[in-house]
Amino acid sequence: MTTLKALQEQKLALERQIAELQQKSRSEAIAKIKELMKESGLKLADLSERAVTGKSAKPAKKVPPKYRNKSTGETWSGRGLQPNWLKAAMAAGKKIEDFAM
């Protein structure tokens, strides 16, 4: 009959084998990728999100405000969640058109 200690030793041995195989597999994959990149003339920068998708990494343009609280000067572009000042004013009976710029 196997003991708990023997099973734990087997577990440790298997975990070491798994880690070694994972490292070997990773190293082989990296070597293959480097070779393919060398053959294709690719550089690391060619693998960036922009190069892959064709999309620019530029930040979105700031949208001009559409609504202004005349008493405080706070603004809202109309995108995203309504700001608290606008919610409170609308709850007090004002219309969103009252704040249009």
C-alpha atoms as a PDB file:
ATOM      1  CA  MET A   1       0.000   0.000   0.000  1.00  0.00           C
ATOM      2  CA  THR A   2       1.322   3.449  -0.905  1.00  0.00           C
ATOM      3  CA  THR A   3       1.695   6.017   1.795  1.00  0.00           C
ATOM      4  CA  LEU A   4       0.815   9.673   1.775  1.00  0.00           C
ATOM      5  CA  LYS A   5       4.497  10.597   1.798  1.00  0.00           C
ATOM      6  CA  ALA A   6       5.203   8.395  -1.237  1.00  0.00           C
ATOM      7  CA  LEU A   7       2.306   9.949  -3.167  1.00  0.00           C
ATOM      8  CA  GLN A   8       3.473  13.456  -2.294  1.00  0.00           C
ATOM      9  CA  GLU A   9       6.975  12.614  -3.546  1.00  0.00           C
ATOM     10  CA  GLN A  10       5.497  11.289  -6.790  1.00  0.00           C
ATOM     11  CA  LYS A  11       3.450  14.459  -7.117  1.00  0.00           C
ATOM     12  CA  LEU A  12       6.551  16.635  -6.672  1.00  0.00           C
ATOM     13  CA  ALA A  13       8.473  14.582  -9.207  1.00  0.00           C
ATOM     14  CA  LEU A  14       5.633  14.901 -11.741  1.00  0.00           C
ATOM     15  CA  GLU A  15       5.367  18.655 -11.144  1.00  0.00           C
ATOM     16  CA  ARG A  16       9.113  19.008 -11.799  1.00  0.00           C
ATOM     17  CA  GLN A  17       8.780  17.011 -15.022  1.00  0.00           C
ATOM     18  CA  ILE A  18       5.835  19.145 -16.126  1.00  0.00           C
ATOM     19  CA  ALA A  19       7.757  22.367 -15.440  1.00  0.00           C
ATOM     20  CA  GLU A  20      10.794  21.100 -17.366  1.00  0.00           C
ATOM     21  CA  LEU A  21       8.659  20.094 -20.363  1.00  0.00           C
ATOM     22  CA  GLN A  22       6.826  23.414 -20.329  1.00  0.00           C
ATOM     23  CA  GLN A  23      10.122  25.317 -20.294  1.00  0.00           C
ATOM     24  CA  LYS A  24      11.520  23.173 -23.110  1.00  0.00           C
ATOM     25  CA  SER A  25       8.353  23.630 -25.177  1.00  0.00           C
ATOM     26  CA  ARG A  26       8.430  27.385 -24.591  1.00  0.00           C
ATOM     27  CA  SER A  27      12.089  27.611 -25.596  1.00  0.00           C
ATOM     28  CA  GLU A  28      11.417  25.634 -28.775  1.00  0.00           C
ATOM     29  CA  ALA A  29       8.451  27.849 -29.652  1.00  0.00           C
ATOM     30  CA  ILE A  30      10.537  30.997 -29.166  1.00  0.00           C
ATOM     31  CA  ALA A  31      13.296  29.574 -31.363  1.00  0.00           C
ATOM     32  CA  LYS A  32      10.751  28.746 -34.109  1.00  0.00           C
ATOM     33  CA  ILE A  33       9.252  32.219 -33.942  1.00  0.00           C
ATOM     34  CA  LYS A  34      12.682  33.865 -34.116  1.00  0.00           C
ATOM     35  CA  GLU A  35      13.599  31.725 -37.124  1.00  0.00           C
ATOM     36  CA  LEU A  36      10.338  32.558 -38.920  1.00  0.00           C
ATOM     37  CA  MET A  37      10.815  36.249 -38.196  1.00  0.00           C
ATOM     38  CA  LYS A  38      14.364  36.089 -39.530  1.00  0.00           C
ATOM     39  CA  GLU A  39      13.254  34.277 -42.696  1.00  0.00           C
ATOM     40  CA  SER A  40      10.413  36.751 -43.289  1.00  0.00           C
ATOM     41  CA  GLY A  41      12.401  39.851 -42.426  1.00  0.00           C
ATOM     42  CA  LEU A  42      10.000  40.761 -39.650  1.00  0.00           C
ATOM     43  CA  LYS A  43      10.871  42.885 -36.647  1.00  0.00           C
ATOM     44  CA  LEU A  44       9.230  42.994 -33.254  1.00  0.00           C
ATOM     45  CA  ALA A  45       7.578  46.317 -34.131  1.00  0.00           C
ATOM     46  CA  ASP A  46       5.811  44.574 -37.028  1.00  0.00           C
ATOM     47  CA  LEU A  47       3.887  42.495 -34.499  1.00  0.00           C
ATOM     48  CA  SER A  48       2.338  45.439 -32.672  1.00  0.00           C
ATOM     49  CA  GLU A  49      -1.433  45.870 -32.507  1.00  0.00           C
ATOM     50  CA  ARG A  50      -1.315  48.638 -35.092  1.00  0.00           C
ATOM     51  CA  ALA A  51       0.633  46.534 -37.571  1.00  0.00           C
ATOM     52  CA  VAL A  52      -1.669  43.535 -37.119  1.00  0.00           C
ATOM     53  CA  THR A  53      -5.047  45.318 -37.172  1.00  0.00           C
ATOM     54  CA  GLY A  54      -4.157  48.364 -39.217  1.00  0.00           C
ATOM     55  CA  LYS A  55      -5.748  50.549 -36.554  1.00  0.00           C
ATOM     56  CA  SER A  56      -3.962  53.556 -35.209  1.00  0.00           C
ATOM     57  CA  ALA A  57      -2.955  53.718 -31.584  1.00  0.00           C
ATOM     58  CA  LYS A  58      -3.974  57.391 -31.453  1.00  0.00           C
ATOM     59  CA  PRO A  59      -6.219  58.409 -28.589  1.00  0.00           C
ATOM     60  CA  ALA A  60      -9.768  59.373 -29.463  1.00  0.00           C
ATOM     61  CA  LYS A  61     -10.423  63.031 -30.190  1.00  0.00           C
ATOM     62  CA  LYS A  62     -11.989  65.040 -27.420  1.00  0.00           C
ATOM     63  CA  VAL A  63     -15.650  65.736 -28.139  1.00  0.00           C
ATOM     64  CA  PRO A  64     -16.836  69.318 -27.625  1.00  0.00           C
ATOM     65  CA  PRO A  65     -19.444  69.801 -24.910  1.00  0.00           C
ATOM     66  CA  LYS A  66     -23.113  69.932 -25.866  1.00  0.00           C
ATOM     67  CA  TYR A  67     -24.538  70.844 -22.457  1.00  0.00           C
ATOM     68  CA  ARG A  68     -23.420  73.460 -19.935  1.00  0.00           C
ATOM     69  CA  ASN A  69     -24.522  74.266 -16.414  1.00  0.00           C
ATOM     70  CA  LYS A  70     -24.599  78.073 -16.597  1.00  0.00           C
ATOM     71  CA  SER A  71     -24.364  78.524 -12.834  1.00  0.00           C
ATOM     72  CA  THR A  72     -21.247  76.378 -12.313  1.00  0.00           C
ATOM     73  CA  GLY A  73     -19.722  76.191 -15.790  1.00  0.00           C
ATOM     74  CA  GLU A  74     -19.705  72.375 -15.744  1.00  0.00           C
ATOM     75  CA  THR A  75     -20.111  70.728 -19.136  1.00  0.00           C
ATOM     76  CA  TRP A  76     -21.070  67.388 -20.644  1.00  0.00           C
ATOM     77  CA  SER A  77     -20.433  66.151 -24.173  1.00  0.00           C
ATOM     78  CA  GLY A  78     -23.551  63.999 -24.286  1.00  0.00           C
ATOM     79  CA  ARG A  79     -21.479  60.815 -24.279  1.00  0.00           C
ATOM     80  CA  GLY A  80     -21.215  58.377 -21.427  1.00  0.00           C
ATOM     81  CA  LEU A  81     -23.157  58.603 -18.207  1.00  0.00           C
ATOM     82  CA  GLN A  82     -25.010  61.789 -17.401  1.00  0.00           C
ATOM     83  CA  PRO A  83     -23.147  63.838 -14.815  1.00  0.00           C
ATOM     84  CA  ASN A  84     -24.666  64.238 -11.363  1.00  0.00           C
ATOM     85  CA  TRP A  85     -25.314  67.958 -11.818  1.00  0.00           C
ATOM     86  CA  LEU A  86     -27.476  67.232 -14.873  1.00  0.00           C
ATOM     87  CA  LYS A  87     -29.304  64.351 -13.183  1.00  0.00           C
ATOM     88  CA  ALA A  88     -30.095  66.548 -10.187  1.00  0.00           C
ATOM     89  CA  ALA A  89     -31.350  69.395 -12.365  1.00  0.00           C
ATOM     90  CA  MET A  90     -33.562  67.064 -14.386  1.00  0.00           C
ATOM     91  CA  ALA A  91     -34.919  65.524 -11.194  1.00  0.00           C
ATOM     92  CA  ALA A  92     -35.798  69.076 -10.085  1.00  0.00           C
ATOM     93  CA  GLY A  93     -37.960  69.475 -13.184  1.00  0.00           C
ATOM     94  CA  LYS A  94     -35.613  71.089 -15.703  1.00  0.00           C
ATOM     95  CA  LYS A  95     -35.290  69.748 -19.237  1.00  0.00           C
ATOM     96  CA  ILE A  96     -32.051  68.713 -20.893  1.00  0.00           C
ATOM     97  CA  GLU A  97     -32.722  71.315 -23.598  1.00  0.00           C
ATOM     98  CA  ASP A  98     -32.317  74.009 -20.918  1.00  0.00           C
ATOM     99  CA  PHE A  99     -28.603  73.145 -20.783  1.00  0.00           C
ATOM    100  CA  ALA A 100     -27.933  72.842 -24.535  1.00  0.00           C
ATOM    101  CA  MET A 101     -25.132  75.042 -25.834  1.00  0.00           C
END
